[in-house]
Amino acid sequence: MEEKPKYASQAKHLREKYVRFSIDFKPDVINAFKEKCKANGTTPTTEIKKFIAEYLSK
């Protein structure tokens, strides 16, 4: 009997409900952004999502 991966249902849900959005940055820019986020106790993903939500609410 074939064993399913531990998070197979979670991965299926993510593929059905979410879309990836890729952005290219110069390494020095993304590293500075990551460091600034870390210093502020947050993550780059959180900050980008907050920006998008705020932008859409205008």
PDB file of N, CA and C in Angstrom:
ATOM      1  N   MET A   1       0.837  -1.182   0.000  1.00  0.00           N
ATOM      2  CA  MET A   1       0.000   0.000   0.000  1.00  0.00           C
ATOM      3  C   MET A   1       0.885   1.250   0.000  1.00  0.00           C
ATOM      4  N   GLU A   2       0.549   2.195  -0.875  1.00  0.00           N
ATOM      5  CA  GLU A   2       1.322   3.426  -0.993  1.00  0.00           C
ATOM      6  C   GLU A   2       0.977   4.392   0.139  1.00  0.00           C
ATOM      7  N   GLU A   3       2.002   4.949   0.768  1.00  0.00           N
ATOM      8  CA  GLU A   3       1.808   5.883   1.873  1.00  0.00           C
ATOM      9  C   GLU A   3       1.750   7.314   1.355  1.00  0.00           C
ATOM     10  N   LYS A   4       0.762   8.090   1.840  1.00  0.00           N
ATOM     11  CA  LYS A   4       0.649   9.492   1.452  1.00  0.00           C
ATOM     12  C   LYS A   4       1.645  10.318   2.256  1.00  0.00           C
ATOM     13  N   PRO A   5       2.167  11.396   1.638  1.00  0.00           N
ATOM     14  CA  PRO A   5       3.019  12.302   2.422  1.00  0.00           C
ATOM     15  C   PRO A   5       2.237  12.866   3.608  1.00  0.00           C
ATOM     16  N   LYS A   6       2.947  13.192   4.665  1.00  0.00           N
ATOM     17  CA  LYS A   6       2.325  13.639   5.908  1.00  0.00           C
ATOM     18  C   LYS A   6       1.383  14.826   5.707  1.00  0.00           C
ATOM     19  N   TYR A   7       1.747  15.774   4.866  1.00  0.00           N
ATOM     20  CA  TYR A   7       0.956  16.991   4.679  1.00  0.00           C
ATOM     21  C   TYR A   7       0.292  17.048   3.305  1.00  0.00           C
ATOM     22  N   ALA A   8      -0.077  15.924   2.750  1.00  0.00           N
ATOM     23  CA  ALA A   8      -0.655  15.869   1.411  1.00  0.00           C
ATOM     24  C   ALA A   8      -1.936  16.687   1.304  1.00  0.00           C
ATOM     25  N   SER A   9      -2.823  16.592   2.282  1.00  0.00           N
ATOM     26  CA  SER A   9      -4.081  17.336   2.197  1.00  0.00           C
ATOM     27  C   SER A   9      -3.836  18.832   2.324  1.00  0.00           C
ATOM     28  N   GLN A  10      -2.866  19.232   3.136  1.00  0.00           N
ATOM     29  CA  GLN A  10      -2.529  20.649   3.269  1.00  0.00           C
ATOM     30  C   GLN A  10      -1.954  21.171   1.948  1.00  0.00           C
ATOM     31  N   ALA A  11      -1.074  20.425   1.331  1.00  0.00           N
ATOM     32  CA  ALA A  11      -0.485  20.835   0.058  1.00  0.00           C
ATOM     33  C   ALA A  11      -1.559  20.950  -1.018  1.00  0.00           C
ATOM     34  N   LYS A  12      -2.503  20.022  -1.044  1.00  0.00           N
ATOM     35  CA  LYS A  12      -3.595  20.074  -2.016  1.00  0.00           C
ATOM     36  C   LYS A  12      -4.421  21.339  -1.806  1.00  0.00           C
ATOM     37  N   HIS A  13      -4.729  21.650  -0.561  1.00  0.00           N
ATOM     38  CA  HIS A  13      -5.499  22.856  -0.246  1.00  0.00           C
ATOM     39  C   HIS A  13      -4.760  24.105  -0.738  1.00  0.00           C
ATOM     40  N   LEU A  14      -3.466  24.187  -0.458  1.00  0.00           N
ATOM     41  CA  LEU A  14      -2.683  25.349  -0.879  1.00  0.00           C
ATOM     42  C   LEU A  14      -2.674  25.496  -2.396  1.00  0.00           C
ATOM     43  N   ARG A  15      -2.537  24.401  -3.122  1.00  0.00           N
ATOM     44  CA  ARG A  15      -2.537  24.456  -4.588  1.00  0.00           C
ATOM     45  C   ARG A  15      -3.884  24.915  -5.134  1.00  0.00           C
ATOM     46  N   GLU A  16      -4.975  24.565  -4.453  1.00  0.00           N
ATOM     47  CA  GLU A  16      -6.309  24.918  -4.928  1.00  0.00           C
ATOM     48  C   GLU A  16      -6.719  26.339  -4.551  1.00  0.00           C
ATOM     49  N   LYS A  17      -6.233  26.866  -3.431  1.00  0.00           N
ATOM     50  CA  LYS A  17      -6.737  28.129  -2.890  1.00  0.00           C
ATOM     51  C   LYS A  17      -5.768  29.302  -3.007  1.00  0.00           C
ATOM     52  N   TYR A  18      -4.500  29.058  -3.289  1.00  0.00           N
ATOM     53  CA  TYR A  18      -3.497  30.121  -3.305  1.00  0.00           C
ATOM     54  C   TYR A  18      -2.706  30.112  -4.598  1.00  0.00           C
ATOM     55  N   VAL A  19      -2.152  31.273  -4.943  1.00  0.00           N
ATOM     56  CA  VAL A  19      -1.335  31.432  -6.144  1.00  0.00           C
ATOM     57  C   VAL A  19      -0.013  32.066  -5.737  1.00  0.00           C
ATOM     58  N   ARG A  20       1.076  31.595  -6.288  1.00  0.00           N
ATOM     59  CA  ARG A  20       2.391  32.177  -6.001  1.00  0.00           C
ATOM     60  C   ARG A  20       2.573  33.450  -6.816  1.00  0.00           C
ATOM     61  N   PHE A  21       3.299  34.411  -6.231  1.00  0.00           N
ATOM     62  CA  PHE A  21       3.600  35.673  -6.886  1.00  0.00           C
ATOM     63  C   PHE A  21       5.096  35.912  -6.718  1.00  0.00           C
ATOM     64  N   SER A  22       5.847  35.696  -7.773  1.00  0.00           N
ATOM     65  CA  SER A  22       7.310  35.801  -7.703  1.00  0.00           C
ATOM     66  C   SER A  22       7.775  37.188  -8.118  1.00  0.00           C
ATOM     67  N   ILE A  23       8.761  37.694  -7.392  1.00  0.00           N
ATOM     68  CA  ILE A  23       9.366  38.988  -7.700  1.00  0.00           C
ATOM     69  C   ILE A  23      10.876  38.808  -7.654  1.00  0.00           C
ATOM     70  N   ASP A  24      11.569  39.368  -8.618  1.00  0.00           N
ATOM     71  CA  ASP A  24      13.028  39.299  -8.631  1.00  0.00           C
ATOM     72  C   ASP A  24      13.607  40.574  -8.029  1.00  0.00           C
ATOM     73  N   PHE A  25      14.578  40.407  -7.133  1.00  0.00           N
ATOM     74  CA  PHE A  25      15.280  41.516  -6.492  1.00  0.00           C
ATOM     75  C   PHE A  25      16.779  41.311  -6.637  1.00  0.00           C
ATOM     76  N   LYS A  26      17.514  42.401  -6.571  1.00  0.00           N
ATOM     77  CA  LYS A  26      18.963  42.293  -6.495  1.00  0.00           C
ATOM     78  C   LYS A  26      19.281  41.735  -5.104  1.00  0.00           C
ATOM     79  N   PRO A  27      20.306  40.890  -5.007  1.00  0.00           N
ATOM     80  CA  PRO A  27      20.626  40.263  -3.715  1.00  0.00           C
ATOM     81  C   PRO A  27      20.829  41.258  -2.577  1.00  0.00           C
ATOM     82  N   ASP A  28      21.487  42.389  -2.835  1.00  0.00           N
ATOM     83  CA  ASP A  28      21.724  43.347  -1.757  1.00  0.00           C
ATOM     84  C   ASP A  28      20.432  43.976  -1.255  1.00  0.00           C
ATOM     85  N   VAL A  29      19.465  44.175  -2.151  1.00  0.00           N
ATOM     86  CA  VAL A  29      18.184  44.756  -1.765  1.00  0.00           C
ATOM     87  C   VAL A  29      17.396  43.765  -0.900  1.00  0.00           C
ATOM     88  N   ILE A  30      17.285  42.532  -1.334  1.00  0.00           N
ATOM     89  CA  ILE A  30      16.500  41.554  -0.580  1.00  0.00           C
ATOM     90  C   ILE A  30      17.166  41.239   0.759  1.00  0.00           C
ATOM     91  N   ASN A  31      18.491  41.199   0.793  1.00  0.00           N
ATOM     92  CA  ASN A  31      19.177  40.940   2.063  1.00  0.00           C
ATOM     93  C   ASN A  31      18.971  42.087   3.041  1.00  0.00           C
ATOM     94  N   ALA A  32      19.005  43.326   2.564  1.00  0.00           N
ATOM     95  CA  ALA A  32      18.750  44.482   3.427  1.00  0.00           C
ATOM     96  C   ALA A  32      17.316  44.456   3.938  1.00  0.00           C
ATOM     97  N   PHE A  33      16.369  44.092   3.063  1.00  0.00           N
ATOM     98  CA  PHE A  33      14.956  44.012   3.454  1.00  0.00           C
ATOM     99  C   PHE A  33      14.759  42.938   4.516  1.00  0.00           C
ATOM    100  N   LYS A  34      15.370  41.777   4.323  1.00  0.00           N
ATOM    101  CA  LYS A  34      15.265  40.690   5.296  1.00  0.00           C
ATOM    102  C   LYS A  34      15.838  41.111   6.650  1.00  0.00           C
ATOM    103  N   GLU A  35      16.975  41.774   6.631  1.00  0.00           N
ATOM    104  CA  GLU A  35      17.596  42.230   7.879  1.00  0.00           C
ATOM    105  C   GLU A  35      16.734  43.267   8.590  1.00  0.00           C
ATOM    106  N   LYS A  36      16.162  44.197   7.833  1.00  0.00           N
ATOM    107  CA  LYS A  36      15.298  45.228   8.414  1.00  0.00           C
ATOM    108  C   LYS A  36      14.061  44.579   9.037  1.00  0.00           C
ATOM    109  N   CYS A  37      13.477  43.623   8.347  1.00  0.00           N
ATOM    110  CA  CYS A  37      12.314  42.914   8.886  1.00  0.00           C
ATOM    111  C   CYS A  37      12.685  42.181  10.176  1.00  0.00           C
ATOM    112  N   LYS A  38      13.814  41.495  10.149  1.00  0.00           N
ATOM    113  CA  LYS A  38      14.268  40.753  11.335  1.00  0.00           C
ATOM    114  C   LYS A  38      14.475  41.706  12.515  1.00  0.00           C
ATOM    115  N   ALA A  39      15.082  42.858  12.252  1.00  0.00           N
ATOM    116  CA  ALA A  39      15.319  43.848  13.311  1.00  0.00           C
ATOM    117  C   ALA A  39      14.005  44.373  13.892  1.00  0.00           C
ATOM    118  N   ASN A  40      12.959  44.398  13.065  1.00  0.00           N
ATOM    119  CA  ASN A  40      11.641  44.870  13.499  1.00  0.00           C
ATOM    120  C   ASN A  40      10.761  43.741  14.025  1.00  0.00           C
ATOM    121  N   GLY A  41      11.291  42.525  14.085  1.00  0.00           N
ATOM    122  CA  GLY A  41      10.540  41.389  14.616  1.00  0.00           C
ATOM    123  C   GLY A  41       9.437  40.895  13.711  1.00  0.00           C
ATOM    124  N   THR A  42       9.653  40.992  12.408  1.00  0.00           N
ATOM    125  CA  THR A  42       8.653  40.537  11.445  1.00  0.00           C
ATOM    126  C   THR A  42       9.341  39.750  10.341  1.00  0.00           C
ATOM    127  N   THR A  43       8.597  39.402   9.299  1.00  0.00           N
ATOM    128  CA  THR A  43       9.166  38.665   8.177  1.00  0.00           C
ATOM    129  C   THR A  43       8.878  39.416   6.878  1.00  0.00           C
ATOM    130  N   PRO A  44       9.679  39.181   5.849  1.00  0.00           N
ATOM    131  CA  PRO A  44       9.416  39.819   4.564  1.00  0.00           C
ATOM    132  C   PRO A  44       8.017  39.495   4.020  1.00  0.00           C
ATOM    133  N   THR A  45       7.597  38.256   4.164  1.00  0.00           N
ATOM    134  CA  THR A  45       6.277  37.862   3.678  1.00  0.00           C
ATOM    135  C   THR A  45       5.174  38.646   4.374  1.00  0.00           C
ATOM    136  N   THR A  46       5.275  38.781   5.680  1.00  0.00           N
ATOM    137  CA  THR A  46       4.278  39.531   6.440  1.00  0.00           C
ATOM    138  C   THR A  46       4.224  40.974   5.972  1.00  0.00           C
ATOM    139  N   GLU A  47       5.380  41.594   5.788  1.00  0.00           N
ATOM    140  CA  GLU A  47       5.421  42.993   5.378  1.00  0.00           C
ATOM    141  C   GLU A  47       4.860  43.193   3.972  1.00  0.00           C
ATOM    142  N   ILE A  48       5.142  42.281   3.070  1.00  0.00           N
ATOM    143  CA  ILE A  48       4.611  42.385   1.704  1.00  0.00           C
ATOM    144  C   ILE A  48       3.095  42.213   1.723  1.00  0.00           C
ATOM    145  N   LYS A  49       2.597  41.249   2.500  1.00  0.00           N
ATOM    146  CA  LYS A  49       1.147  41.042   2.598  1.00  0.00           C
ATOM    147  C   LYS A  49       0.457  42.252   3.223  1.00  0.00           C
ATOM    148  N   LYS A  50       1.085  42.862   4.243  1.00  0.00           N
ATOM    149  CA  LYS A  50       0.522  44.066   4.858  1.00  0.00           C
ATOM    150  C   LYS A  50       0.465  45.203   3.849  1.00  0.00           C
ATOM    151  N   PHE A  51       1.533  45.359   3.046  1.00  0.00           N
ATOM    152  CA  PHE A  51       1.546  46.405   2.034  1.00  0.00           C
ATOM    153  C   PHE A  51       0.415  46.207   1.029  1.00  0.00           C
ATOM    154  N   ILE A  52       0.240  44.999   0.552  1.00  0.00           N
ATOM    155  CA  ILE A  52      -0.807  44.719  -0.436  1.00  0.00           C
ATOM    156  C   ILE A  52      -2.181  44.984   0.144  1.00  0.00           C
ATOM    157  N   ALA A  53      -2.433  44.526   1.368  1.00  0.00           N
ATOM    158  CA  ALA A  53      -3.731  44.753   2.005  1.00  0.00           C
ATOM    159  C   ALA A  53      -3.998  46.247   2.158  1.00  0.00           C
ATOM    160  N   GLU A  54      -3.012  47.004   2.594  1.00  0.00           N
ATOM    161  CA  GLU A  54      -3.171  48.448   2.758  1.00  0.00           C
ATOM    162  C   GLU A  54      -3.398  49.129   1.409  1.00  0.00           C
ATOM    163  N   TYR A  55      -2.653  48.732   0.412  1.00  0.00           N
ATOM    164  CA  TYR A  55      -2.775  49.296  -0.926  1.00  0.00           C
ATOM    165  C   TYR A  55      -4.164  49.047  -1.501  1.00  0.00           C
ATOM    166  N   LEU A  56      -4.682  47.857  -1.299  1.00  0.00           N
ATOM    167  CA  LEU A  56      -6.013  47.524  -1.816  1.00  0.00           C
ATOM    168  C   LEU A  56      -7.124  48.231  -1.068  1.00  0.00           C
ATOM    169  N   SER A  57      -6.874  48.605   0.177  1.00  0.00           N
ATOM    170  CA  SER A  57      -7.927  49.259   0.964  1.00  0.00           C
ATOM    171  C   SER A  57      -8.084  50.733   0.625  1.00  0.00           C
ATOM    172  N   LYS A  58      -7.168  51.283  -0.156  1.00  0.00           N
ATOM    173  CA  LYS A  58      -7.231  52.705  -0.533  1.00  0.00           C
ATOM    174  C   LYS A  58      -8.285  52.940  -1.598  1.00  0.00           C
TER     175      LYS A  58
END
